[in-house]
N, C-alpha and C. Protein backbone atom coordinates (compact mmCIF):
# COMPACT_ATOMS: atom_id res chain seq x y z
N MET A 1 -4.70 20.25 16.50
CA MET A 1 -5.64 19.26 15.97
C MET A 1 -5.16 18.80 14.59
N ASN A 2 -5.22 17.51 14.38
CA ASN A 2 -4.81 16.92 13.11
C ASN A 2 -5.86 17.28 12.05
N ARG A 3 -5.45 17.88 10.96
CA ARG A 3 -6.40 18.29 9.93
C ARG A 3 -6.65 17.18 8.91
N VAL A 4 -5.91 16.07 8.99
CA VAL A 4 -6.12 14.97 8.06
C VAL A 4 -6.98 13.91 8.73
N ARG A 5 -7.69 13.22 7.91
CA ARG A 5 -8.64 12.21 8.41
C ARG A 5 -7.92 10.96 8.90
N PRO A 6 -8.50 10.28 9.87
CA PRO A 6 -7.94 8.97 10.25
C PRO A 6 -8.30 7.95 9.17
N VAL A 7 -7.60 6.83 9.18
CA VAL A 7 -7.91 5.72 8.29
C VAL A 7 -8.63 4.68 9.12
N ILE A 8 -9.82 4.33 8.69
CA ILE A 8 -10.64 3.34 9.40
C ILE A 8 -10.74 2.11 8.52
N ILE A 9 -10.39 0.96 9.10
CA ILE A 9 -10.39 -0.29 8.34
C ILE A 9 -11.00 -1.38 9.21
N GLN A 10 -11.71 -2.29 8.58
CA GLN A 10 -12.31 -3.40 9.30
C GLN A 10 -11.22 -4.33 9.85
N GLU A 11 -11.42 -4.84 11.04
CA GLU A 11 -10.43 -5.72 11.67
C GLU A 11 -10.12 -6.94 10.80
N ASP A 12 -11.13 -7.53 10.19
CA ASP A 12 -10.90 -8.70 9.33
C ASP A 12 -10.04 -8.33 8.12
N THR A 13 -10.30 -7.18 7.54
CA THR A 13 -9.50 -6.72 6.40
C THR A 13 -8.05 -6.52 6.84
N PHE A 14 -7.87 -5.91 7.99
CA PHE A 14 -6.52 -5.68 8.51
C PHE A 14 -5.80 -7.02 8.74
N LYS A 15 -6.48 -7.97 9.34
CA LYS A 15 -5.86 -9.28 9.60
C LYS A 15 -5.46 -9.97 8.29
N ARG A 16 -6.25 -9.82 7.26
CA ARG A 16 -5.92 -10.42 5.96
C ARG A 16 -4.72 -9.72 5.32
N MET A 17 -4.60 -8.40 5.51
CA MET A 17 -3.43 -7.68 5.03
C MET A 17 -2.17 -8.18 5.75
N VAL A 18 -2.26 -8.32 7.06
CA VAL A 18 -1.13 -8.80 7.85
C VAL A 18 -0.75 -10.22 7.43
N ASP A 19 -1.75 -11.08 7.24
CA ASP A 19 -1.48 -12.44 6.79
C ASP A 19 -0.75 -12.44 5.45
N HIS A 20 -1.19 -11.60 4.53
CA HIS A 20 -0.54 -11.47 3.22
C HIS A 20 0.92 -11.04 3.40
N ALA A 21 1.15 -10.07 4.28
CA ALA A 21 2.52 -9.58 4.52
C ALA A 21 3.39 -10.67 5.13
N GLU A 22 2.87 -11.41 6.09
CA GLU A 22 3.64 -12.47 6.72
C GLU A 22 3.94 -13.61 5.74
N ARG A 23 2.95 -13.99 4.92
CA ARG A 23 3.16 -15.06 3.93
C ARG A 23 4.18 -14.65 2.86
N SER A 24 4.24 -13.36 2.56
CA SER A 24 5.15 -12.87 1.52
C SER A 24 6.59 -12.72 2.02
N TYR A 25 6.77 -12.65 3.31
CA TYR A 25 8.09 -12.46 3.90
C TYR A 25 9.06 -13.50 3.37
N PRO A 26 10.28 -13.18 2.99
CA PRO A 26 11.02 -11.94 3.26
C PRO A 26 10.86 -10.87 2.17
N TYR A 27 9.84 -11.03 1.36
CA TYR A 27 9.60 -10.07 0.28
C TYR A 27 8.46 -9.14 0.64
N GLU A 28 8.44 -7.99 -0.01
CA GLU A 28 7.34 -7.05 0.18
C GLU A 28 6.09 -7.59 -0.51
N CYS A 29 4.97 -7.36 0.11
CA CYS A 29 3.69 -7.66 -0.52
C CYS A 29 3.05 -6.34 -0.90
N CYS A 30 1.99 -6.40 -1.70
CA CYS A 30 1.26 -5.19 -2.05
C CYS A 30 -0.17 -5.57 -2.41
N GLY A 31 -1.05 -4.60 -2.30
CA GLY A 31 -2.44 -4.83 -2.64
C GLY A 31 -3.27 -3.59 -2.40
N VAL A 32 -4.56 -3.76 -2.56
CA VAL A 32 -5.49 -2.65 -2.40
C VAL A 32 -6.71 -3.10 -1.61
N VAL A 33 -7.42 -2.12 -1.09
CA VAL A 33 -8.72 -2.35 -0.46
C VAL A 33 -9.72 -1.51 -1.23
N LEU A 34 -10.77 -2.17 -1.69
CA LEU A 34 -11.86 -1.50 -2.38
C LEU A 34 -13.02 -1.36 -1.40
N GLY A 35 -13.69 -0.24 -1.43
CA GLY A 35 -14.86 -0.04 -0.58
C GLY A 35 -14.49 0.46 0.80
N ILE A 36 -15.53 0.74 1.56
CA ILE A 36 -15.38 1.27 2.92
C ILE A 36 -16.31 0.51 3.84
N GLY A 37 -15.86 0.27 5.06
CA GLY A 37 -16.69 -0.38 6.06
C GLY A 37 -17.01 -1.81 5.72
N PRO A 38 -18.23 -2.25 5.98
CA PRO A 38 -18.59 -3.66 5.75
C PRO A 38 -18.45 -4.11 4.29
N GLU A 39 -18.40 -3.15 3.36
CA GLU A 39 -18.25 -3.50 1.94
C GLU A 39 -16.80 -3.67 1.51
N GLU A 40 -15.85 -3.48 2.42
CA GLU A 40 -14.43 -3.57 2.06
C GLU A 40 -14.10 -4.91 1.41
N GLN A 41 -13.27 -4.83 0.38
CA GLN A 41 -12.80 -6.02 -0.32
C GLN A 41 -11.28 -5.91 -0.48
N LEU A 42 -10.56 -6.87 0.11
CA LEU A 42 -9.11 -6.90 -0.03
C LEU A 42 -8.75 -7.54 -1.36
N ARG A 43 -7.84 -6.92 -2.08
CA ARG A 43 -7.36 -7.45 -3.36
C ARG A 43 -5.83 -7.49 -3.33
N PRO A 44 -5.24 -8.62 -2.92
CA PRO A 44 -3.78 -8.74 -3.02
C PRO A 44 -3.36 -8.62 -4.48
N ILE A 45 -2.23 -8.00 -4.70
CA ILE A 45 -1.73 -7.80 -6.06
C ILE A 45 -0.31 -8.37 -6.11
N ARG A 46 -0.01 -9.05 -7.19
CA ARG A 46 1.32 -9.65 -7.33
C ARG A 46 2.40 -8.59 -7.37
N ASN A 47 3.44 -8.83 -6.59
CA ASN A 47 4.63 -7.97 -6.60
C ASN A 47 5.58 -8.55 -7.65
N ILE A 48 5.80 -7.81 -8.71
CA ILE A 48 6.65 -8.32 -9.80
C ILE A 48 8.07 -7.72 -9.74
N GLN A 49 8.44 -7.17 -8.61
CA GLN A 49 9.75 -6.55 -8.48
C GLN A 49 10.88 -7.55 -8.75
N ASN A 50 10.78 -8.79 -8.23
CA ASN A 50 11.85 -9.77 -8.46
C ASN A 50 11.97 -10.10 -9.95
N GLU A 51 10.84 -10.21 -10.64
CA GLU A 51 10.88 -10.49 -12.08
C GLU A 51 11.57 -9.37 -12.83
N LYS A 52 11.20 -8.14 -12.52
CA LYS A 52 11.80 -6.99 -13.20
C LYS A 52 13.29 -6.88 -12.88
N HIS A 53 13.64 -7.15 -11.63
CA HIS A 53 15.05 -7.11 -11.22
C HIS A 53 15.86 -8.16 -11.99
N ALA A 54 15.29 -9.36 -12.14
CA ALA A 54 15.99 -10.43 -12.87
C ALA A 54 16.14 -10.07 -14.35
N GLU A 55 15.13 -9.45 -14.93
CA GLU A 55 15.17 -9.06 -16.34
C GLU A 55 16.15 -7.93 -16.61
N SER A 56 16.19 -6.95 -15.70
CA SER A 56 17.00 -5.77 -15.93
C SER A 56 17.49 -5.18 -14.60
N PRO A 57 18.56 -5.77 -14.05
CA PRO A 57 19.05 -5.27 -12.76
C PRO A 57 19.54 -3.82 -12.81
N GLU A 58 19.90 -3.34 -13.98
CA GLU A 58 20.33 -1.94 -14.08
C GLU A 58 19.13 -1.00 -13.93
N GLU A 59 18.03 -1.37 -14.58
CA GLU A 59 16.83 -0.54 -14.51
C GLU A 59 16.08 -0.72 -13.19
N PHE A 60 16.13 -1.94 -12.63
CA PHE A 60 15.45 -2.28 -11.38
C PHE A 60 16.49 -2.83 -10.41
N PRO A 61 17.31 -1.96 -9.80
CA PRO A 61 18.40 -2.44 -8.97
C PRO A 61 17.96 -3.11 -7.67
N ARG A 62 16.76 -2.84 -7.21
CA ARG A 62 16.28 -3.43 -5.95
C ARG A 62 15.43 -4.65 -6.25
N ASP A 63 15.52 -5.65 -5.36
CA ASP A 63 14.64 -6.81 -5.50
C ASP A 63 13.47 -6.65 -4.54
N ALA A 64 12.63 -7.67 -4.44
CA ALA A 64 11.39 -7.57 -3.67
C ALA A 64 11.60 -7.57 -2.15
N ARG A 65 12.84 -7.73 -1.70
CA ARG A 65 13.09 -7.59 -0.27
C ARG A 65 13.01 -6.13 0.17
N THR A 66 13.23 -5.21 -0.78
CA THR A 66 13.23 -3.79 -0.42
C THR A 66 12.39 -2.93 -1.37
N ALA A 67 11.58 -3.57 -2.21
CA ALA A 67 10.76 -2.80 -3.15
C ALA A 67 9.57 -3.62 -3.62
N TYR A 68 8.58 -2.93 -4.11
CA TYR A 68 7.45 -3.62 -4.73
C TYR A 68 7.07 -2.89 -6.01
N LEU A 69 6.53 -3.67 -6.92
CA LEU A 69 5.98 -3.14 -8.16
C LEU A 69 4.72 -3.94 -8.44
N MET A 70 3.59 -3.27 -8.37
CA MET A 70 2.32 -3.97 -8.60
C MET A 70 2.23 -4.46 -10.03
N HIS A 71 1.76 -5.69 -10.18
CA HIS A 71 1.53 -6.22 -11.52
C HIS A 71 0.48 -5.35 -12.19
N PRO A 72 0.80 -4.75 -13.34
CA PRO A 72 -0.13 -3.79 -13.96
C PRO A 72 -1.52 -4.37 -14.24
N ALA A 73 -1.59 -5.61 -14.72
CA ALA A 73 -2.91 -6.20 -15.04
C ALA A 73 -3.72 -6.41 -13.77
N ASP A 74 -3.07 -6.83 -12.68
CA ASP A 74 -3.78 -7.02 -11.41
C ASP A 74 -4.32 -5.69 -10.89
N PHE A 75 -3.48 -4.66 -10.95
CA PHE A 75 -3.90 -3.35 -10.46
C PHE A 75 -5.03 -2.78 -11.32
N ARG A 76 -4.89 -2.91 -12.62
CA ARG A 76 -5.94 -2.46 -13.55
C ARG A 76 -7.25 -3.19 -13.28
N ALA A 77 -7.18 -4.50 -13.04
CA ALA A 77 -8.40 -5.28 -12.75
C ALA A 77 -9.07 -4.78 -11.47
N ALA A 78 -8.27 -4.45 -10.46
CA ALA A 78 -8.83 -3.93 -9.21
C ALA A 78 -9.51 -2.58 -9.46
N LEU A 79 -8.86 -1.71 -10.24
CA LEU A 79 -9.46 -0.41 -10.55
C LEU A 79 -10.75 -0.57 -11.35
N GLU A 80 -10.76 -1.50 -12.29
CA GLU A 80 -11.97 -1.75 -13.08
C GLU A 80 -13.09 -2.29 -12.21
N GLU A 81 -12.74 -3.20 -11.29
CA GLU A 81 -13.76 -3.72 -10.37
C GLU A 81 -14.32 -2.60 -9.51
N ALA A 82 -13.46 -1.74 -9.02
CA ALA A 82 -13.92 -0.61 -8.20
C ALA A 82 -14.89 0.27 -8.99
N ALA A 83 -14.54 0.56 -10.24
CA ALA A 83 -15.40 1.41 -11.06
C ALA A 83 -16.73 0.72 -11.36
N THR A 84 -16.69 -0.55 -11.72
CA THR A 84 -17.90 -1.29 -12.05
C THR A 84 -18.84 -1.39 -10.85
N ARG A 85 -18.26 -1.65 -9.69
CA ARG A 85 -19.07 -1.83 -8.48
C ARG A 85 -19.31 -0.51 -7.74
N LYS A 86 -18.77 0.58 -8.30
CA LYS A 86 -18.91 1.92 -7.69
C LYS A 86 -18.39 1.94 -6.25
N LEU A 87 -17.19 1.35 -6.08
CA LEU A 87 -16.52 1.32 -4.79
C LEU A 87 -15.27 2.19 -4.86
N PRO A 88 -14.98 2.94 -3.82
CA PRO A 88 -13.74 3.72 -3.84
C PRO A 88 -12.52 2.82 -3.67
N LEU A 89 -11.41 3.28 -4.22
CA LEU A 89 -10.11 2.67 -3.94
C LEU A 89 -9.69 3.29 -2.61
N SER A 90 -9.99 2.60 -1.51
CA SER A 90 -9.81 3.23 -0.20
C SER A 90 -8.40 3.12 0.34
N VAL A 91 -7.69 2.02 0.02
CA VAL A 91 -6.35 1.81 0.57
C VAL A 91 -5.44 1.16 -0.47
N ILE A 92 -4.21 1.60 -0.51
CA ILE A 92 -3.11 0.88 -1.16
C ILE A 92 -2.19 0.48 -0.02
N TYR A 93 -1.81 -0.80 0.02
CA TYR A 93 -0.95 -1.24 1.11
C TYR A 93 0.27 -1.99 0.57
N HIS A 94 1.31 -1.99 1.39
CA HIS A 94 2.48 -2.81 1.10
C HIS A 94 3.22 -3.06 2.41
N SER A 95 4.15 -3.99 2.37
CA SER A 95 4.88 -4.33 3.58
C SER A 95 6.34 -3.89 3.50
N HIS A 96 6.95 -3.77 4.67
CA HIS A 96 8.37 -3.49 4.82
C HIS A 96 8.98 -4.65 5.61
N PRO A 97 9.55 -5.65 4.93
CA PRO A 97 10.20 -6.75 5.64
C PRO A 97 11.44 -6.28 6.41
N ASP A 98 11.47 -6.59 7.68
CA ASP A 98 12.60 -6.27 8.56
C ASP A 98 12.92 -4.78 8.61
N HIS A 99 11.91 -3.96 8.39
CA HIS A 99 12.04 -2.50 8.52
C HIS A 99 10.77 -1.97 9.19
N ASP A 100 10.84 -0.75 9.66
CA ASP A 100 9.71 -0.14 10.34
C ASP A 100 8.60 0.23 9.35
N ALA A 101 7.45 0.56 9.90
CA ALA A 101 6.29 0.98 9.11
C ALA A 101 6.36 2.49 8.92
N TYR A 102 7.01 2.91 7.85
CA TYR A 102 7.14 4.33 7.54
C TYR A 102 6.91 4.51 6.04
N PHE A 103 6.62 5.73 5.64
CA PHE A 103 6.40 6.03 4.24
C PHE A 103 7.69 6.61 3.68
N SER A 104 8.42 5.80 2.96
CA SER A 104 9.76 6.16 2.48
C SER A 104 9.69 7.12 1.30
N PRO A 105 10.80 7.76 0.97
CA PRO A 105 10.84 8.59 -0.24
C PRO A 105 10.49 7.78 -1.50
N THR A 106 10.90 6.52 -1.54
CA THR A 106 10.55 5.66 -2.67
C THR A 106 9.04 5.41 -2.71
N ASP A 107 8.44 5.20 -1.54
CA ASP A 107 6.98 5.02 -1.48
C ASP A 107 6.28 6.27 -1.98
N ARG A 108 6.77 7.44 -1.57
CA ARG A 108 6.14 8.69 -2.00
C ARG A 108 6.28 8.87 -3.50
N ALA A 109 7.45 8.57 -4.04
CA ALA A 109 7.66 8.71 -5.48
C ALA A 109 6.71 7.79 -6.25
N ALA A 110 6.51 6.57 -5.75
CA ALA A 110 5.61 5.62 -6.41
C ALA A 110 4.16 6.09 -6.33
N ALA A 111 3.81 6.82 -5.27
CA ALA A 111 2.44 7.30 -5.10
C ALA A 111 2.18 8.62 -5.83
N CYS A 112 3.24 9.22 -6.39
CA CYS A 112 3.12 10.49 -7.11
C CYS A 112 3.82 10.36 -8.47
N LEU A 113 3.51 9.31 -9.20
CA LEU A 113 4.19 9.03 -10.46
C LEU A 113 3.94 10.09 -11.53
N PHE A 114 2.72 10.57 -11.62
CA PHE A 114 2.36 11.48 -12.71
C PHE A 114 2.82 12.91 -12.48
N ASP A 115 2.84 13.32 -11.20
CA ASP A 115 3.24 14.66 -10.83
C ASP A 115 3.84 14.58 -9.43
N PRO A 116 5.10 14.93 -9.25
CA PRO A 116 5.72 14.79 -7.93
C PRO A 116 5.11 15.67 -6.85
N ASN A 117 4.25 16.61 -7.25
CA ASN A 117 3.60 17.49 -6.27
C ASN A 117 2.15 17.13 -6.00
N GLU A 118 1.70 16.01 -6.56
CA GLU A 118 0.31 15.58 -6.37
C GLU A 118 0.27 14.07 -6.27
N ALA A 119 -0.56 13.56 -5.37
CA ALA A 119 -0.75 12.12 -5.26
C ALA A 119 -1.56 11.63 -6.46
N ASP A 120 -1.20 10.47 -6.97
CA ASP A 120 -1.97 9.89 -8.07
C ASP A 120 -3.40 9.59 -7.64
N TYR A 121 -3.55 9.15 -6.39
CA TYR A 121 -4.87 8.83 -5.82
C TYR A 121 -4.98 9.57 -4.49
N PRO A 122 -5.29 10.86 -4.51
CA PRO A 122 -5.24 11.67 -3.29
C PRO A 122 -6.26 11.28 -2.23
N ASP A 123 -7.32 10.59 -2.60
CA ASP A 123 -8.32 10.18 -1.62
C ASP A 123 -8.08 8.76 -1.10
N THR A 124 -6.99 8.14 -1.54
CA THR A 124 -6.67 6.77 -1.16
C THR A 124 -5.60 6.77 -0.08
N ALA A 125 -5.89 6.10 1.03
CA ALA A 125 -4.91 5.98 2.12
C ALA A 125 -3.82 4.99 1.74
N GLN A 126 -2.68 5.15 2.34
CA GLN A 126 -1.56 4.24 2.17
C GLN A 126 -1.30 3.59 3.53
N ILE A 127 -1.22 2.26 3.55
CA ILE A 127 -0.89 1.55 4.79
C ILE A 127 0.39 0.77 4.56
N VAL A 128 1.33 0.92 5.49
CA VAL A 128 2.59 0.20 5.44
C VAL A 128 2.63 -0.74 6.64
N ILE A 129 2.93 -2.01 6.37
CA ILE A 129 2.96 -3.04 7.39
C ILE A 129 4.41 -3.48 7.61
N SER A 130 4.87 -3.37 8.84
CA SER A 130 6.21 -3.83 9.20
C SER A 130 6.13 -5.30 9.61
N VAL A 131 6.98 -6.12 8.97
CA VAL A 131 7.08 -7.54 9.31
C VAL A 131 8.54 -7.80 9.63
N LYS A 132 8.80 -8.23 10.86
CA LYS A 132 10.17 -8.50 11.29
C LYS A 132 10.31 -9.98 11.65
N SER A 133 11.32 -10.61 11.07
CA SER A 133 11.55 -12.05 11.27
C SER A 133 10.30 -12.86 10.95
N GLY A 134 9.55 -12.42 9.96
CA GLY A 134 8.38 -13.15 9.49
C GLY A 134 7.10 -12.91 10.26
N ARG A 135 7.13 -12.05 11.27
CA ARG A 135 5.94 -11.79 12.08
C ARG A 135 5.58 -10.31 12.06
N PHE A 136 4.29 -10.03 12.12
CA PHE A 136 3.80 -8.66 12.16
C PHE A 136 4.44 -7.91 13.32
N ALA A 137 4.93 -6.70 13.05
CA ALA A 137 5.52 -5.86 14.08
C ALA A 137 4.71 -4.58 14.31
N ASP A 138 4.24 -3.95 13.22
CA ASP A 138 3.57 -2.66 13.34
C ASP A 138 2.91 -2.32 12.01
N ALA A 139 2.03 -1.36 12.05
CA ALA A 139 1.41 -0.84 10.82
C ALA A 139 1.19 0.65 11.01
N ALA A 140 1.27 1.38 9.91
CA ALA A 140 1.05 2.82 9.95
C ALA A 140 0.26 3.23 8.72
N ALA A 141 -0.57 4.26 8.91
CA ALA A 141 -1.40 4.77 7.82
C ALA A 141 -0.96 6.19 7.47
N PHE A 142 -1.04 6.48 6.18
CA PHE A 142 -0.64 7.78 5.66
C PHE A 142 -1.70 8.26 4.67
N VAL A 143 -1.99 9.56 4.71
CA VAL A 143 -2.94 10.15 3.78
C VAL A 143 -2.31 11.40 3.16
N TRP A 144 -2.81 11.75 2.00
CA TRP A 144 -2.32 12.92 1.28
C TRP A 144 -2.85 14.17 1.95
N ASP A 145 -1.96 15.08 2.26
CA ASP A 145 -2.33 16.38 2.81
C ASP A 145 -2.13 17.41 1.70
N PRO A 146 -3.22 17.95 1.13
CA PRO A 146 -3.08 18.88 0.00
C PRO A 146 -2.44 20.21 0.38
N ILE A 147 -2.41 20.53 1.66
CA ILE A 147 -1.81 21.79 2.08
C ILE A 147 -0.28 21.69 2.07
N VAL A 148 0.24 20.60 2.63
CA VAL A 148 1.70 20.44 2.67
C VAL A 148 2.22 19.68 1.45
N LYS A 149 1.30 19.20 0.61
CA LYS A 149 1.66 18.48 -0.62
C LYS A 149 2.54 17.27 -0.32
N ASP A 150 2.10 16.49 0.67
CA ASP A 150 2.86 15.30 1.05
C ASP A 150 1.94 14.34 1.80
N PHE A 151 2.42 13.12 1.94
CA PHE A 151 1.71 12.14 2.75
C PHE A 151 2.11 12.35 4.20
N VAL A 152 1.12 12.32 5.07
CA VAL A 152 1.36 12.49 6.49
C VAL A 152 0.77 11.30 7.24
N ARG A 153 1.45 10.95 8.30
CA ARG A 153 0.96 9.84 9.12
C ARG A 153 -0.31 10.27 9.83
N THR A 154 -1.24 9.32 9.93
CA THR A 154 -2.50 9.60 10.59
C THR A 154 -2.89 8.38 11.41
N GLU A 155 -3.92 8.53 12.18
CA GLU A 155 -4.38 7.44 13.03
C GLU A 155 -4.95 6.30 12.18
N LEU A 156 -4.60 5.06 12.55
CA LEU A 156 -5.13 3.86 11.91
C LEU A 156 -6.08 3.22 12.89
N ILE A 157 -7.36 3.26 12.57
CA ILE A 157 -8.40 2.72 13.44
C ILE A 157 -8.91 1.42 12.86
N ARG A 158 -8.87 0.36 13.68
CA ARG A 158 -9.37 -0.96 13.26
C ARG A 158 -10.68 -1.22 13.99
N ARG A 159 -11.72 -1.58 13.20
CA ARG A 159 -13.05 -1.83 13.80
C ARG A 159 -13.52 -3.23 13.55
């Protein structure tokens, strides 16, 4: 029996995430979902990876085709909105253009910035959307498992 919880997301929210990923192709998109169930609010966040890569290719060797970096002000605004409205940060999502929906070592490192053995947001699910040739291919959900100290794939339920 799977000891980690499934990720449940509203169908409309999921469709908007997929639309964001397809519109962003061939670049990665990123964003968050605030709230749970009918109160869910999708908040796309600007991916500034191309800007950072252009400014400093040595420090940011990857561009937005293979990486994302959330705009700090956008992410902070989403967190502030969640706190003000007393909504959980339920999902962080991003896309993988022309790659499968998996949680890469880079994704894990980004989700454990403060401590490599702990998720920065352990109660927040991670959803990765695969977009191939500009069209949705697959999506996968991952949650933090405190026993194995890693993100594990779990069921993604759309309602």
